[in-house]
N, C-alpha and C. Protein backbone atom coordinates (compact mmCIF):
# COMPACT_ATOMS: atom_id res chain seq x y z
N MET A 1 135.20 126.18 162.96
CA MET A 1 133.95 125.91 162.29
C MET A 1 133.83 126.81 161.06
N ILE A 2 133.23 126.25 160.02
CA ILE A 2 132.95 127.03 158.83
C ILE A 2 132.07 128.21 159.25
N ALA A 3 132.35 129.39 158.72
CA ALA A 3 131.63 130.59 159.13
C ALA A 3 130.97 131.26 157.92
N VAL A 4 130.11 132.21 158.21
CA VAL A 4 129.46 132.99 157.17
C VAL A 4 130.55 133.62 156.30
N GLY A 5 130.37 133.51 154.99
CA GLY A 5 131.33 134.05 154.04
C GLY A 5 132.33 133.03 153.54
N ASP A 6 132.47 131.91 154.24
CA ASP A 6 133.38 130.85 153.80
C ASP A 6 132.77 130.07 152.64
N GLU A 7 133.64 129.56 151.80
CA GLU A 7 133.19 128.66 150.75
C GLU A 7 133.00 127.28 151.37
N VAL A 8 131.91 126.63 151.01
CA VAL A 8 131.63 125.31 151.54
C VAL A 8 132.67 124.32 150.99
N PRO A 9 133.21 123.45 151.84
CA PRO A 9 134.22 122.50 151.35
C PRO A 9 133.61 121.47 150.40
N GLU A 10 134.40 121.05 149.44
CA GLU A 10 133.97 119.99 148.52
C GLU A 10 133.97 118.66 149.26
N PHE A 11 132.96 117.85 148.98
CA PHE A 11 132.92 116.49 149.52
C PHE A 11 131.92 115.67 148.74
N GLU A 12 132.04 114.38 148.87
CA GLU A 12 131.03 113.46 148.38
C GLU A 12 130.91 112.34 149.40
N ALA A 13 129.72 111.78 149.50
CA ALA A 13 129.47 110.77 150.52
C ALA A 13 128.24 109.95 150.14
N PRO A 14 128.14 108.73 150.69
CA PRO A 14 126.98 107.89 150.39
C PRO A 14 125.72 108.40 151.09
N MET A 15 124.59 108.17 150.43
CA MET A 15 123.30 108.56 150.98
C MET A 15 122.48 107.32 151.30
N GLY A 16 121.44 107.51 152.09
CA GLY A 16 120.56 106.43 152.48
C GLY A 16 119.81 105.79 151.32
N ASN A 17 119.70 106.49 150.20
CA ASN A 17 119.00 105.94 149.04
C ASN A 17 119.93 105.16 148.12
N GLY A 18 121.18 104.96 148.54
CA GLY A 18 122.12 104.18 147.75
C GLY A 18 122.92 104.99 146.74
N LYS A 19 122.62 106.25 146.59
CA LYS A 19 123.34 107.10 145.65
C LYS A 19 124.46 107.84 146.37
N THR A 20 125.25 108.56 145.60
CA THR A 20 126.34 109.36 146.15
C THR A 20 125.98 110.84 146.07
N PHE A 21 126.12 111.54 147.18
CA PHE A 21 125.90 112.98 147.21
C PHE A 21 127.21 113.67 146.89
N ARG A 22 127.15 114.63 145.99
CA ARG A 22 128.32 115.44 145.65
C ARG A 22 127.93 116.90 145.78
N ILE A 23 128.63 117.62 146.62
CA ILE A 23 128.32 119.03 146.83
C ILE A 23 128.45 119.80 145.51
N LYS A 24 129.39 119.41 144.66
CA LYS A 24 129.60 120.12 143.40
C LYS A 24 128.40 120.02 142.46
N ASP A 25 127.55 119.01 142.64
CA ASP A 25 126.36 118.87 141.80
C ASP A 25 125.34 119.98 142.05
N TYR A 26 125.45 120.66 143.18
CA TYR A 26 124.51 121.73 143.52
C TYR A 26 125.07 123.12 143.20
N ARG A 27 126.38 123.21 143.07
CA ARG A 27 127.01 124.51 142.82
C ARG A 27 126.49 125.09 141.51
N GLY A 28 126.01 126.32 141.59
CA GLY A 28 125.48 126.99 140.41
C GLY A 28 124.05 126.61 140.08
N ARG A 29 123.48 125.64 140.82
CA ARG A 29 122.15 125.15 140.50
C ARG A 29 121.10 125.42 141.57
N ARG A 30 121.45 125.12 142.83
CA ARG A 30 120.47 125.25 143.92
C ARG A 30 121.18 125.71 145.18
N HIS A 31 120.43 126.42 146.02
CA HIS A 31 120.91 126.74 147.36
C HIS A 31 120.78 125.47 148.19
N LEU A 32 121.52 125.38 149.27
CA LEU A 32 121.44 124.21 150.15
C LEU A 32 121.16 124.61 151.59
N VAL A 33 120.36 123.80 152.25
CA VAL A 33 120.20 123.86 153.70
C VAL A 33 120.81 122.55 154.17
N LEU A 34 122.05 122.64 154.62
CA LEU A 34 122.83 121.47 155.02
C LEU A 34 122.83 121.39 156.53
N TYR A 35 122.12 120.39 157.06
CA TYR A 35 122.03 120.32 158.51
C TYR A 35 122.70 119.07 159.06
N PHE A 36 123.52 119.29 160.08
CA PHE A 36 124.20 118.21 160.79
C PHE A 36 123.37 117.89 162.03
N PHE A 37 123.13 116.61 162.26
CA PHE A 37 122.32 116.21 163.41
C PHE A 37 122.98 115.01 164.10
N PRO A 38 122.73 114.86 165.40
CA PRO A 38 123.42 113.81 166.16
C PRO A 38 123.10 112.37 165.80
N LYS A 39 121.82 112.00 165.68
CA LYS A 39 121.54 110.56 165.55
C LYS A 39 120.14 110.30 165.01
N ASP A 40 120.04 109.36 164.07
CA ASP A 40 118.75 108.89 163.57
C ASP A 40 117.92 108.34 164.73
N PHE A 41 116.62 108.51 164.62
CA PHE A 41 115.61 107.91 165.52
C PHE A 41 115.59 108.47 166.94
N THR A 42 116.39 109.50 167.26
CA THR A 42 116.28 110.12 168.58
C THR A 42 115.18 111.17 168.51
N SER A 43 114.62 111.52 169.65
CA SER A 43 113.45 112.40 169.64
C SER A 43 113.74 113.77 169.02
N GLY A 44 114.82 114.40 169.43
CA GLY A 44 115.15 115.73 168.89
C GLY A 44 115.48 115.69 167.41
N CYS A 45 116.22 114.69 167.00
CA CYS A 45 116.62 114.59 165.59
C CYS A 45 115.43 114.23 164.71
N THR A 46 114.53 113.42 165.24
CA THR A 46 113.32 113.09 164.49
C THR A 46 112.46 114.34 164.31
N LYS A 47 112.32 115.12 165.37
CA LYS A 47 111.55 116.37 165.29
C LYS A 47 112.17 117.31 164.26
N GLU A 48 113.50 117.43 164.30
CA GLU A 48 114.18 118.31 163.35
C GLU A 48 114.00 117.82 161.91
N ALA A 49 114.21 116.54 161.68
CA ALA A 49 114.09 115.97 160.34
C ALA A 49 112.67 116.17 159.80
N CYS A 50 111.68 115.96 160.65
CA CYS A 50 110.29 116.13 160.23
C CYS A 50 109.93 117.59 159.99
N SER A 51 110.57 118.51 160.72
CA SER A 51 110.30 119.93 160.47
C SER A 51 110.83 120.33 159.09
N PHE A 52 111.97 119.80 158.71
CA PHE A 52 112.49 120.08 157.37
C PHE A 52 111.60 119.41 156.32
N ARG A 53 111.13 118.20 156.62
CA ARG A 53 110.21 117.50 155.70
C ARG A 53 108.93 118.30 155.50
N ASP A 54 108.34 118.73 156.62
CA ASP A 54 107.05 119.40 156.56
C ASP A 54 107.10 120.75 155.85
N ARG A 55 108.28 121.36 155.82
CA ARG A 55 108.40 122.68 155.18
C ARG A 55 109.29 122.64 153.93
N ARG A 56 109.49 121.44 153.44
CA ARG A 56 110.35 121.26 152.27
C ARG A 56 109.81 122.00 151.05
N ALA A 57 108.49 122.05 150.89
CA ALA A 57 107.92 122.75 149.74
C ALA A 57 108.29 124.23 149.77
N GLU A 58 108.31 124.83 150.96
CA GLU A 58 108.72 126.23 151.08
C GLU A 58 110.18 126.39 150.67
N ILE A 59 111.00 125.46 151.11
CA ILE A 59 112.42 125.49 150.78
C ILE A 59 112.62 125.32 149.28
N ALA A 60 111.92 124.34 148.69
CA ALA A 60 112.03 124.10 147.25
C ALA A 60 111.55 125.33 146.47
N GLY A 61 110.53 126.01 146.98
CA GLY A 61 110.03 127.21 146.34
C GLY A 61 111.03 128.36 146.33
N LEU A 62 112.05 128.24 147.16
CA LEU A 62 113.13 129.23 147.22
C LEU A 62 114.38 128.71 146.50
N ASP A 63 114.17 127.72 145.63
CA ASP A 63 115.22 127.13 144.81
C ASP A 63 116.34 126.52 145.65
N ALA A 64 115.94 125.79 146.69
CA ALA A 64 116.92 125.18 147.60
C ALA A 64 116.56 123.73 147.88
N GLU A 65 117.52 123.01 148.38
CA GLU A 65 117.36 121.62 148.77
C GLU A 65 117.84 121.43 150.18
N VAL A 66 117.17 120.56 150.92
CA VAL A 66 117.58 120.18 152.27
C VAL A 66 118.46 118.94 152.17
N VAL A 67 119.52 118.89 152.97
CA VAL A 67 120.38 117.71 153.06
C VAL A 67 120.77 117.53 154.51
N GLY A 68 120.53 116.32 155.04
CA GLY A 68 120.89 116.00 156.41
C GLY A 68 122.17 115.18 156.47
N VAL A 69 122.98 115.41 157.50
CA VAL A 69 124.26 114.70 157.66
C VAL A 69 124.40 114.22 159.10
N SER A 70 124.75 112.96 159.28
CA SER A 70 125.09 112.45 160.61
C SER A 70 126.06 111.29 160.46
N TYR A 71 126.55 110.80 161.59
CA TYR A 71 127.49 109.68 161.58
C TYR A 71 126.81 108.34 161.33
N ASP A 72 125.49 108.32 161.28
CA ASP A 72 124.77 107.06 161.09
C ASP A 72 125.12 106.42 159.76
N THR A 73 124.90 105.12 159.68
CA THR A 73 125.20 104.36 158.47
C THR A 73 124.18 104.63 157.38
N VAL A 74 124.52 104.24 156.18
CA VAL A 74 123.61 104.36 155.04
C VAL A 74 122.33 103.57 155.34
N ASP A 75 122.47 102.38 155.91
CA ASP A 75 121.31 101.54 156.23
C ASP A 75 120.40 102.21 157.25
N SER A 76 120.99 102.78 158.29
CA SER A 76 120.20 103.49 159.30
C SER A 76 119.47 104.67 158.68
N HIS A 77 120.14 105.43 157.82
CA HIS A 77 119.50 106.57 157.16
C HIS A 77 118.33 106.10 156.28
N ALA A 78 118.51 105.00 155.57
CA ALA A 78 117.44 104.49 154.72
C ALA A 78 116.21 104.14 155.55
N LYS A 79 116.42 103.50 156.68
CA LYS A 79 115.30 103.13 157.57
C LYS A 79 114.66 104.37 158.17
N PHE A 80 115.47 105.33 158.59
CA PHE A 80 114.99 106.58 159.18
C PHE A 80 114.14 107.35 158.15
N ALA A 81 114.67 107.48 156.94
CA ALA A 81 113.95 108.20 155.88
C ALA A 81 112.64 107.50 155.54
N ASP A 82 112.67 106.18 155.51
CA ASP A 82 111.47 105.41 155.19
C ASP A 82 110.41 105.56 156.28
N LYS A 83 110.82 105.42 157.52
CA LYS A 83 109.87 105.49 158.64
C LYS A 83 109.18 106.84 158.73
N TYR A 84 109.92 107.93 158.46
CA TYR A 84 109.37 109.27 158.62
C TYR A 84 109.10 109.98 157.29
N SER A 85 109.14 109.22 156.19
CA SER A 85 108.86 109.78 154.85
C SER A 85 109.68 111.03 154.57
N LEU A 86 110.97 110.92 154.79
CA LEU A 86 111.87 112.06 154.55
C LEU A 86 112.24 112.08 153.06
N PRO A 87 111.83 113.12 152.34
CA PRO A 87 112.02 113.14 150.89
C PRO A 87 113.32 113.78 150.42
N TYR A 88 114.23 114.02 151.32
CA TYR A 88 115.48 114.69 150.96
C TYR A 88 116.66 113.80 151.32
N PRO A 89 117.85 114.09 150.76
CA PRO A 89 119.02 113.24 151.00
C PRO A 89 119.49 113.26 152.46
N LEU A 90 119.85 112.08 152.94
CA LEU A 90 120.53 111.93 154.23
C LEU A 90 121.90 111.33 153.94
N ILE A 91 122.94 112.03 154.36
CA ILE A 91 124.31 111.62 154.07
C ILE A 91 124.91 110.89 155.25
N SER A 92 125.57 109.78 154.96
CA SER A 92 126.29 109.05 155.99
C SER A 92 127.72 109.57 156.09
N ASP A 93 128.06 110.05 157.27
CA ASP A 93 129.41 110.56 157.54
C ASP A 93 130.04 109.68 158.62
N ALA A 94 130.02 108.37 158.39
CA ALA A 94 130.44 107.39 159.39
C ALA A 94 131.86 107.60 159.89
N ASP A 95 132.73 108.16 159.07
CA ASP A 95 134.12 108.38 159.49
C ASP A 95 134.34 109.81 160.01
N SER A 96 133.30 110.60 160.10
CA SER A 96 133.28 111.98 160.59
C SER A 96 134.13 112.94 159.75
N ARG A 97 134.47 112.53 158.55
CA ARG A 97 135.30 113.35 157.66
C ARG A 97 134.61 114.67 157.30
N ILE A 98 133.32 114.61 157.00
CA ILE A 98 132.59 115.81 156.60
C ILE A 98 132.40 116.73 157.81
N ALA A 99 132.02 116.15 158.94
CA ALA A 99 131.83 116.95 160.16
C ALA A 99 133.12 117.66 160.54
N LYS A 100 134.25 117.01 160.36
CA LYS A 100 135.54 117.64 160.66
C LYS A 100 135.80 118.81 159.69
N LYS A 101 135.48 118.63 158.41
CA LYS A 101 135.67 119.71 157.43
C LYS A 101 134.85 120.94 157.80
N PHE A 102 133.66 120.71 158.34
CA PHE A 102 132.77 121.81 158.69
C PHE A 102 133.00 122.31 160.12
N GLY A 103 133.81 121.59 160.88
CA GLY A 103 134.10 122.00 162.25
C GLY A 103 132.99 121.70 163.24
N VAL A 104 132.18 120.69 162.95
CA VAL A 104 131.07 120.36 163.84
C VAL A 104 131.25 119.00 164.53
N ALA A 105 132.39 118.36 164.31
CA ALA A 105 132.66 117.08 164.98
C ALA A 105 132.95 117.36 166.44
N ARG A 106 132.45 116.51 167.29
CA ARG A 106 132.76 116.63 168.72
C ARG A 106 134.11 115.99 168.97
N LEU A 107 134.74 116.35 170.08
CA LEU A 107 136.05 115.79 170.41
C LEU A 107 136.00 114.28 170.40
N GLY A 108 137.02 113.68 169.85
CA GLY A 108 137.09 112.22 169.79
C GLY A 108 136.57 111.66 168.49
N GLY A 109 135.70 112.41 167.80
CA GLY A 109 135.21 111.98 166.50
C GLY A 109 134.16 110.89 166.53
N TRP A 110 133.96 110.22 167.64
CA TRP A 110 132.99 109.13 167.69
C TRP A 110 131.67 109.56 168.33
N LEU A 111 131.69 110.67 169.07
CA LEU A 111 130.46 111.18 169.65
C LEU A 111 129.58 111.77 168.55
N PRO A 112 128.27 111.82 168.77
CA PRO A 112 127.42 112.41 167.73
C PRO A 112 127.85 113.83 167.40
N THR A 113 127.63 114.19 166.14
CA THR A 113 127.97 115.52 165.66
C THR A 113 127.14 116.59 166.38
N LYS A 114 127.62 117.80 166.35
CA LYS A 114 126.86 118.93 166.89
C LYS A 114 125.66 119.19 165.98
N ARG A 115 124.60 119.77 166.53
CA ARG A 115 123.43 120.14 165.74
C ARG A 115 123.68 121.55 165.18
N VAL A 116 124.05 121.61 163.91
CA VAL A 116 124.36 122.88 163.26
C VAL A 116 123.79 122.83 161.85
N THR A 117 123.21 123.95 161.42
CA THR A 117 122.66 124.06 160.07
C THR A 117 123.39 125.17 159.32
N PHE A 118 123.77 124.86 158.08
CA PHE A 118 124.44 125.83 157.20
C PHE A 118 123.52 126.13 156.03
N VAL A 119 123.29 127.40 155.76
CA VAL A 119 122.56 127.81 154.56
C VAL A 119 123.62 128.25 153.57
N VAL A 120 123.64 127.58 152.42
CA VAL A 120 124.68 127.78 151.41
C VAL A 120 124.03 128.27 150.12
N ASP A 121 124.56 129.33 149.56
CA ASP A 121 123.97 129.84 148.32
C ASP A 121 124.47 129.04 147.11
N LYS A 122 123.92 129.35 145.95
CA LYS A 122 124.25 128.59 144.73
C LYS A 122 125.72 128.66 144.37
N GLN A 123 126.40 129.72 144.79
CA GLN A 123 127.82 129.85 144.49
C GLN A 123 128.69 129.04 145.46
N GLY A 124 128.06 128.41 146.44
CA GLY A 124 128.81 127.60 147.40
C GLY A 124 129.32 128.38 148.59
N VAL A 125 128.76 129.57 148.84
CA VAL A 125 129.19 130.40 149.95
C VAL A 125 128.20 130.25 151.12
N VAL A 126 128.74 130.05 152.31
CA VAL A 126 127.90 129.93 153.50
C VAL A 126 127.32 131.31 153.81
N ARG A 127 126.00 131.38 153.86
CA ARG A 127 125.33 132.65 154.10
C ARG A 127 124.80 132.79 155.52
N HIS A 128 124.59 131.65 156.20
CA HIS A 128 124.06 131.69 157.56
C HIS A 128 124.41 130.38 158.26
N VAL A 129 124.69 130.46 159.56
CA VAL A 129 124.99 129.28 160.37
C VAL A 129 124.10 129.32 161.60
N ILE A 130 123.41 128.22 161.86
CA ILE A 130 122.50 128.12 163.00
C ILE A 130 123.10 127.11 163.97
N HIS A 131 123.40 127.56 165.19
CA HIS A 131 124.09 126.75 166.19
C HIS A 131 123.20 126.18 167.28
N ALA A 132 121.93 126.42 167.27
CA ALA A 132 121.05 126.05 168.38
C ALA A 132 120.99 124.55 168.58
N GLU A 133 121.61 124.06 169.65
CA GLU A 133 121.60 122.62 169.96
C GLU A 133 120.23 122.15 170.43
N LEU A 134 119.58 122.98 171.25
CA LEU A 134 118.33 122.54 171.87
C LEU A 134 117.08 123.15 171.26
N ASN A 135 117.19 124.33 170.65
CA ASN A 135 116.04 124.96 170.03
C ASN A 135 115.92 124.48 168.59
N ILE A 136 115.35 123.31 168.45
CA ILE A 136 115.30 122.64 167.15
C ILE A 136 114.50 123.44 166.12
N ASP A 137 113.40 124.06 166.54
CA ASP A 137 112.56 124.82 165.61
C ASP A 137 113.30 126.00 164.99
N LEU A 138 114.30 126.51 165.68
CA LEU A 138 115.06 127.64 165.19
C LEU A 138 115.76 127.31 163.86
N HIS A 139 116.15 126.06 163.67
CA HIS A 139 116.88 125.68 162.46
C HIS A 139 116.04 125.91 161.20
N ILE A 140 114.83 125.40 161.17
CA ILE A 140 114.00 125.58 159.97
C ILE A 140 113.59 127.03 159.80
N ASP A 141 113.21 127.68 160.89
CA ASP A 141 112.76 129.08 160.80
C ASP A 141 113.86 129.99 160.29
N GLU A 142 115.06 129.88 160.84
CA GLU A 142 116.17 130.74 160.40
C GLU A 142 116.63 130.39 159.00
N ALA A 143 116.63 129.11 158.65
CA ALA A 143 117.04 128.70 157.30
C ALA A 143 116.10 129.31 156.26
N LEU A 144 114.80 129.23 156.52
CA LEU A 144 113.84 129.83 155.58
C LEU A 144 114.00 131.34 155.49
N ALA A 145 114.19 131.99 156.62
CA ALA A 145 114.37 133.44 156.62
C ALA A 145 115.59 133.83 155.79
N GLU A 146 116.69 133.09 155.92
CA GLU A 146 117.90 133.40 155.16
C GLU A 146 117.70 133.13 153.67
N LEU A 147 117.04 132.03 153.34
CA LEU A 147 116.78 131.74 151.92
C LEU A 147 115.95 132.85 151.29
N LYS A 148 114.98 133.37 152.03
CA LYS A 148 114.16 134.47 151.51
C LYS A 148 115.01 135.70 151.23
N LYS A 149 115.98 135.99 152.10
CA LYS A 149 116.91 137.12 151.89
C LYS A 149 117.75 136.89 150.64
N ILE A 150 118.24 135.68 150.48
CA ILE A 150 119.09 135.36 149.32
C ILE A 150 118.31 135.55 148.03
N VAL A 151 117.11 135.03 147.99
CA VAL A 151 116.28 135.10 146.79
C VAL A 151 115.88 136.54 146.48
N ALA A 152 115.63 137.34 147.51
CA ALA A 152 115.22 138.73 147.33
C ALA A 152 116.35 139.63 146.85
N ALA A 153 117.58 139.21 147.08
CA ALA A 153 118.74 140.05 146.76
C ALA A 153 118.97 140.15 145.26
């Protein structure tokens, strides 16, 4: 798994809004809160997505962007984002290529990805990794705490 201090791998992938996400577009510009989640429309993933939505202004105020990643299709992400008014990019990793690069793919590649959040600074370096599978609230709280440290430095 990608660890603190590692450079985030380059990738691009389709998003639910029909555009293409490119990690390089954020390098040097914004910090990222990149969260991998198992599945659109499940109770835990919906709670997590909405927690990032509800605190997005705090994240944006720290010069960062939230990005969600799962194996779901672009169409599923578009419906999920629409239903829950998610204002940030959702990336489709249908072939699990991105999850494998980050080391969060489950064995077999077809099972839902692990719930892991990476806080990445503007230089593309991973500054914090949150592994809590069941403590969903920990992801947003720790991500914000780390962003505050980055900005204060």
